[in-house]
Amino acid sequence: MDTTALRSAYGRLLDAAAIPDLGVADDGGWDADQVLAHLLSVDAATAAVALGVVAGARPAFDNRVSLDTWNLGRIIAEHSGRADLIDHVRSQAAVLCDIADRLDEQAASVLVPTLLLSDDELVLDAPIPLSSLIDGLAGSHVPGHTQQLLDLRTAPGKP
């Protein structure tokens, strides 16, 4: 697989995550640390699925654990602060991209039962090729969270 787009998407996300004074979401949504913890969870699960496919297993992908606020809090607590979270996202994204770079066409085309939720709404409940799961990170998931981080910028005069 070609991970050029995914690596670029992570570069933009990491730049956004490093912006000082990221505030809280106006709508009560996730703060920057929760976004980063979510990405760590999703990336680990995606890498595990990819490695499972290579090992001959037929794993499924279910993003519910990466949405669980208790789990996000646990991930955040395991880090010494935002810089540590950013470093972990950077290294884990590199691992995921390295795994994806090595997938051959046969492995990339394996159908993975996938359950995706967003804002308590079902987005997908169907098998998709492993390549689509990974490409979806570059095409919408990571850019969406990059925008979410940018939306947390504290505007002048905003508390």
Foldseek 3Di string as FASTA:
>chain_A
DDCPLVLVLLVLLLVLLPDPPQAADPVRDDGSLLLLLLLLVQLVQLQVCLVCLVVVHQAAEESPCSVDPVSSVVSSVVAPDSVRSSVSSVVSSVVSNVSVVPDDPVSQQRWHQYWDDDPNHTDDGGTGGSVCSSVCCSPPVSNVSSVVSVSRHADVVRD
